[in-house]
Each structure stands twice: as C-alpha cells, then as structure tokens.
Amino acid sequence: MDSSHDPRSQYLANTAAHMFGHPELAVKIAKAPELAMFLNELNVKALQIITNGKSIKCIAGQVAEPPQGTMELHFVKLDNEDVDKSKIQNQILISSIRQSSISSLYALISKIYVPLLRQGDKDNDNPNNQLRDLLY
C-alpha cells in the first residue's frame, strides 16, 4: 500500500530524511510499506529506518542491528491509540542513536537540554539552574 500521500507519512518521512541529512530520501521513506504498517496498526509500536545515504531499509515492529557505516532512526509510539495527523508530534518519539549510546546521550544533553536550561531565569534558586549545574 502506497502511503506517500498520507500527511502522517509525509511528516515522518521528511523528519527522518532531514535528520539523516538527505532530504531527497523523503519520497522513498514515505512509500515504504513498513511506514504505513507502523502508522495504521496499533500493535506495531516501533519503526526503524536505516540508510547509507542512498538507499533505505525500514523495519516495523522490531529493531535490527544496523550495518557498519549506516545511520539509523527510530520512531516509537507513546500511546496505544491511532496516530492522528493533528497530534502526531505528541504521539511519536523520535530517537537517533549514533556511534554509542553514551555519545548519543552526551549529544542529547549538550545540544538540546543544556541550551534549554540556559534560557531559564537568572534566579539561583531556579530548579533549571540547579539541574544545569548537575548536568555540568
């Protein structure tokens, strides 16, 4: 089943393609039958997309070890409900592990959470500042 015209498929495909740094892959990803399976079947909770930058491999419902020299991305459903195009950002978790889980955690904390915490109030008793200090 071609799901490339489904706005949910387009959203996930564009997200994955841009995270891989290859926007041209969005069309291939959107047409993958595993993407439709992930979006339309309640019992399929995860979707893994693996790419070498030219071709893609999608795996629905399970996770495989990616071959050396490839990138991977996971979409995980957070709830046991139909994926709705108006709430998809709150229903799907996006996870990208590169190199090792420790380096991915470091990148996530240093590039996402620490800058968010820096935007908090300048008050020293602010929980954001206390958490920031712990992260440092």
C-alpha atoms as a PDB file:
ATOM      1  CA  MET A   1       0.000   0.000   0.000  1.00  0.00           C
ATOM      2  CA  ASP A   2       1.417   3.374  -1.036  1.00  0.00           C
ATOM      3  CA  SER A   3       1.116   5.743   1.896  1.00  0.00           C
ATOM      4  CA  SER A   4       3.112   8.579   0.343  1.00  0.00           C
ATOM      5  CA  HIS A   5       0.056  10.876   0.147  1.00  0.00           C
ATOM      6  CA  ASP A   6      -0.836  10.406   3.823  1.00  0.00           C
ATOM      7  CA  PRO A   7       0.187  13.607   5.695  1.00  0.00           C
ATOM      8  CA  ARG A   8       1.369  11.470   8.635  1.00  0.00           C
ATOM      9  CA  SER A   9       3.705   9.549   6.325  1.00  0.00           C
ATOM     10  CA  GLN A  10       4.992  12.745   4.800  1.00  0.00           C
ATOM     11  CA  TYR A  11       5.675  14.194   8.247  1.00  0.00           C
ATOM     12  CA  LEU A  12       7.657  11.133   9.393  1.00  0.00           C
ATOM     13  CA  ALA A  13       9.446  10.741   6.059  1.00  0.00           C
ATOM     14  CA  ASN A  14      10.537  14.388   5.974  1.00  0.00           C
ATOM     15  CA  THR A  15      11.620  14.240   9.615  1.00  0.00           C
ATOM     16  CA  ALA A  16      13.737  11.139   9.014  1.00  0.00           C
ATOM     17  CA  ALA A  17      15.233  12.390   5.751  1.00  0.00           C
ATOM     18  CA  HIS A  18      16.263  15.700   7.293  1.00  0.00           C
ATOM     19  CA  MET A  19      17.699  14.033  10.387  1.00  0.00           C
ATOM     20  CA  PHE A  20      19.790  11.855   8.073  1.00  0.00           C
ATOM     21  CA  GLY A  21      20.896  14.964   6.190  1.00  0.00           C
ATOM     22  CA  HIS A  22      19.480  13.597   2.930  1.00  0.00           C
ATOM     23  CA  PRO A  23      16.146  15.329   2.216  1.00  0.00           C
ATOM     24  CA  GLU A  24      15.899  13.530  -1.124  1.00  0.00           C
ATOM     25  CA  LEU A  25      15.218  10.251   0.740  1.00  0.00           C
ATOM     26  CA  ALA A  26      11.821  11.518   1.956  1.00  0.00           C
ATOM     27  CA  VAL A  27       9.986  10.197  -1.101  1.00  0.00           C
ATOM     28  CA  LYS A  28      11.441   6.680  -0.689  1.00  0.00           C
ATOM     29  CA  ILE A  29      10.698   6.636   3.026  1.00  0.00           C
ATOM     30  CA  ALA A  30       7.091   7.823   2.556  1.00  0.00           C
ATOM     31  CA  LYS A  31       6.432   4.990   0.080  1.00  0.00           C
ATOM     32  CA  ALA A  32       7.780   2.242   2.360  1.00  0.00           C
ATOM     33  CA  PRO A  33       5.031  -0.254   3.300  1.00  0.00           C
ATOM     34  CA  GLU A  34       6.545  -0.542   6.780  1.00  0.00           C
ATOM     35  CA  LEU A  35       5.770   3.130   7.382  1.00  0.00           C
ATOM     36  CA  ALA A  36       2.087   2.514   6.590  1.00  0.00           C
ATOM     37  CA  MET A  37       2.138  -0.554   8.843  1.00  0.00           C
ATOM     38  CA  PHE A  38       3.609   1.490  11.703  1.00  0.00           C
ATOM     39  CA  LEU A  39       1.044   4.267  11.306  1.00  0.00           C
ATOM     40  CA  ASN A  40      -2.033   2.094  10.774  1.00  0.00           C
ATOM     41  CA  GLU A  41      -1.600  -0.929  13.047  1.00  0.00           C
ATOM     42  CA  LEU A  42      -1.958  -0.419  16.788  1.00  0.00           C
ATOM     43  CA  ASN A  43       0.191  -3.440  17.664  1.00  0.00           C
ATOM     44  CA  VAL A  44       3.217  -2.103  15.707  1.00  0.00           C
ATOM     45  CA  LYS A  45       4.931   0.154  18.250  1.00  0.00           C
ATOM     46  CA  ALA A  46       8.284   0.885  16.595  1.00  0.00           C
ATOM     47  CA  LEU A  47       9.709   1.712  13.193  1.00  0.00           C
ATOM     48  CA  GLN A  48      13.420   1.619  12.433  1.00  0.00           C
ATOM     49  CA  ILE A  49      14.806   3.295   9.334  1.00  0.00           C
ATOM     50  CA  ILE A  50      18.358   2.508   8.249  1.00  0.00           C
ATOM     51  CA  THR A  51      20.185   4.318   5.458  1.00  0.00           C
ATOM     52  CA  ASN A  52      23.584   4.619   3.871  1.00  0.00           C
ATOM     53  CA  GLY A  53      22.560   7.963   2.359  1.00  0.00           C
ATOM     54  CA  LYS A  54      21.358   6.448  -0.911  1.00  0.00           C
ATOM     55  CA  SER A  55      19.040   3.568  -0.081  1.00  0.00           C
ATOM     56  CA  ILE A  56      16.794   2.879   2.879  1.00  0.00           C
ATOM     57  CA  LYS A  57      15.634  -0.145   4.816  1.00  0.00           C
ATOM     58  CA  CYS A  58      12.579   0.099   7.056  1.00  0.00           C
ATOM     59  CA  ILE A  59      11.751  -2.398   9.780  1.00  0.00           C
ATOM     60  CA  ALA A  60       8.366  -2.243  11.524  1.00  0.00           C
ATOM     61  CA  GLY A  61       7.674  -3.767  14.912  1.00  0.00           C
ATOM     62  CA  GLN A  62      11.255  -4.672  15.771  1.00  0.00           C
ATOM     63  CA  VAL A  63      14.785  -3.300  15.792  1.00  0.00           C
ATOM     64  CA  ALA A  64      17.774  -4.764  13.954  1.00  0.00           C
ATOM     65  CA  GLU A  65      21.497  -4.146  14.283  1.00  0.00           C
ATOM     66  CA  PRO A  66      22.387  -1.598  11.587  1.00  0.00           C
ATOM     67  CA  PRO A  67      25.248  -2.478   9.234  1.00  0.00           C
ATOM     68  CA  GLN A  68      28.556  -0.683   9.689  1.00  0.00           C
ATOM     69  CA  GLY A  69      28.670   2.760   8.074  1.00  0.00           C
ATOM     70  CA  THR A  70      24.910   3.340   8.141  1.00  0.00           C
ATOM     71  CA  MET A  71      22.674   5.722  10.068  1.00  0.00           C
ATOM     72  CA  GLU A  72      19.529   4.709  11.888  1.00  0.00           C
ATOM     73  CA  LEU A  73      16.445   6.383  13.266  1.00  0.00           C
ATOM     74  CA  HIS A  74      13.624   5.021  15.401  1.00  0.00           C
ATOM     75  CA  PHE A  75      10.031   6.152  15.684  1.00  0.00           C
ATOM     76  CA  VAL A  76       8.219   4.842  18.775  1.00  0.00           C
ATOM     77  CA  LYS A  77       4.525   5.200  19.568  1.00  0.00           C
ATOM     78  CA  LEU A  78       3.997   6.633  23.029  1.00  0.00           C
ATOM     79  CA  ASP A  79       0.363   5.551  23.450  1.00  0.00           C
ATOM     80  CA  ASN A  80      -1.881   2.736  22.352  1.00  0.00           C
ATOM     81  CA  GLU A  81      -4.073   4.870  20.085  1.00  0.00           C
ATOM     82  CA  ASP A  82      -4.432   5.717  16.409  1.00  0.00           C
ATOM     83  CA  VAL A  83      -1.838   8.169  15.143  1.00  0.00           C
ATOM     84  CA  ASP A  84      -3.653  11.402  14.352  1.00  0.00           C
ATOM     85  CA  LYS A  85      -2.122  13.927  11.953  1.00  0.00           C
ATOM     86  CA  SER A  86      -3.046  16.827  14.261  1.00  0.00           C
ATOM     87  CA  LYS A  87      -1.369  15.230  17.322  1.00  0.00           C
ATOM     88  CA  ILE A  88       1.465  13.269  15.727  1.00  0.00           C
ATOM     89  CA  GLN A  89       4.194  15.394  17.360  1.00  0.00           C
ATOM     90  CA  ASN A  90       2.889  14.298  20.788  1.00  0.00           C
ATOM     91  CA  GLN A  91       2.249  10.672  19.863  1.00  0.00           C
ATOM     92  CA  ILE A  92       5.573   9.657  18.315  1.00  0.00           C
ATOM     93  CA  LEU A  93       9.004   9.661  19.941  1.00  0.00           C
ATOM     94  CA  ILE A  94      11.953  10.132  17.591  1.00  0.00           C
ATOM     95  CA  SER A  95      15.245   8.559  18.588  1.00  0.00           C
ATOM     96  CA  SER A  96      18.548   8.580  16.766  1.00  0.00           C
ATOM     97  CA  ILE A  97      21.482   6.685  18.196  1.00  0.00           C
ATOM     98  CA  ARG A  98      24.820   7.346  16.577  1.00  0.00           C
ATOM     99  CA  GLN A  99      28.117   5.689  17.475  1.00  0.00           C
ATOM    100  CA  SER A 100      27.304   4.567  21.022  1.00  0.00           C
ATOM    101  CA  SER A 101      24.519   5.140  23.500  1.00  0.00           C
ATOM    102  CA  ILE A 102      26.851   7.189  25.728  1.00  0.00           C
ATOM    103  CA  SER A 103      27.848   9.566  22.916  1.00  0.00           C
ATOM    104  CA  SER A 104      24.185   9.885  21.904  1.00  0.00           C
ATOM    105  CA  LEU A 105      23.211  10.728  25.478  1.00  0.00           C
ATOM    106  CA  TYR A 106      26.021  13.292  25.682  1.00  0.00           C
ATOM    107  CA  ALA A 107      24.928  14.890  22.394  1.00  0.00           C
ATOM    108  CA  LEU A 108      21.291  14.976  23.512  1.00  0.00           C
ATOM    109  CA  ILE A 109      22.145  16.637  26.815  1.00  0.00           C
ATOM    110  CA  SER A 110      24.731  19.085  25.481  1.00  0.00           C
ATOM    111  CA  LYS A 111      22.927  20.129  22.290  1.00  0.00           C
ATOM    112  CA  ILE A 112      19.298  20.104  23.438  1.00  0.00           C
ATOM    113  CA  TYR A 113      18.787  20.158  27.188  1.00  0.00           C
ATOM    114  CA  VAL A 114      21.636  22.394  28.358  1.00  0.00           C
ATOM    115  CA  PRO A 115      20.732  25.204  25.897  1.00  0.00           C
ATOM    116  CA  LEU A 116      17.100  24.963  27.036  1.00  0.00           C
ATOM    117  CA  LEU A 117      18.152  25.170  30.657  1.00  0.00           C
ATOM    118  CA  ARG A 118      20.326  28.219  29.937  1.00  0.00           C
ATOM    119  CA  GLN A 119      17.230  30.082  28.778  1.00  0.00           C
ATOM    120  CA  GLY A 120      15.718  29.874  32.287  1.00  0.00           C
ATOM    121  CA  ASP A 121      15.563  32.662  34.843  1.00  0.00           C
ATOM    122  CA  LYS A 122      18.759  34.060  36.333  1.00  0.00           C
ATOM    123  CA  ASP A 123      17.478  33.275  39.850  1.00  0.00           C
ATOM    124  CA  ASN A 124      19.916  30.969  41.671  1.00  0.00           C
ATOM    125  CA  ASP A 125      17.082  29.030  43.334  1.00  0.00           C
ATOM    126  CA  ASN A 126      15.520  28.176  39.996  1.00  0.00           C
ATOM    127  CA  PRO A 127      15.300  24.375  39.577  1.00  0.00           C
ATOM    128  CA  ASN A 128      16.553  24.802  35.986  1.00  0.00           C
ATOM    129  CA  ASN A 129      19.812  26.283  37.271  1.00  0.00           C
ATOM    130  CA  GLN A 130      20.219  23.520  39.831  1.00  0.00           C
ATOM    131  CA  LEU A 131      19.641  20.897  37.156  1.00  0.00           C
ATOM    132  CA  ARG A 132      22.011  22.706  34.806  1.00  0.00           C
ATOM    133  CA  ASP A 133      24.731  22.630  37.457  1.00  0.00           C
ATOM    134  CA  LEU A 134      24.195  18.892  37.950  1.00  0.00           C
ATOM    135  CA  LEU A 135      24.438  18.271  34.217  1.00  0.00           C
ATOM    136  CA  TYR A 136      27.704  20.210  34.002  1.00  0.00           C
END
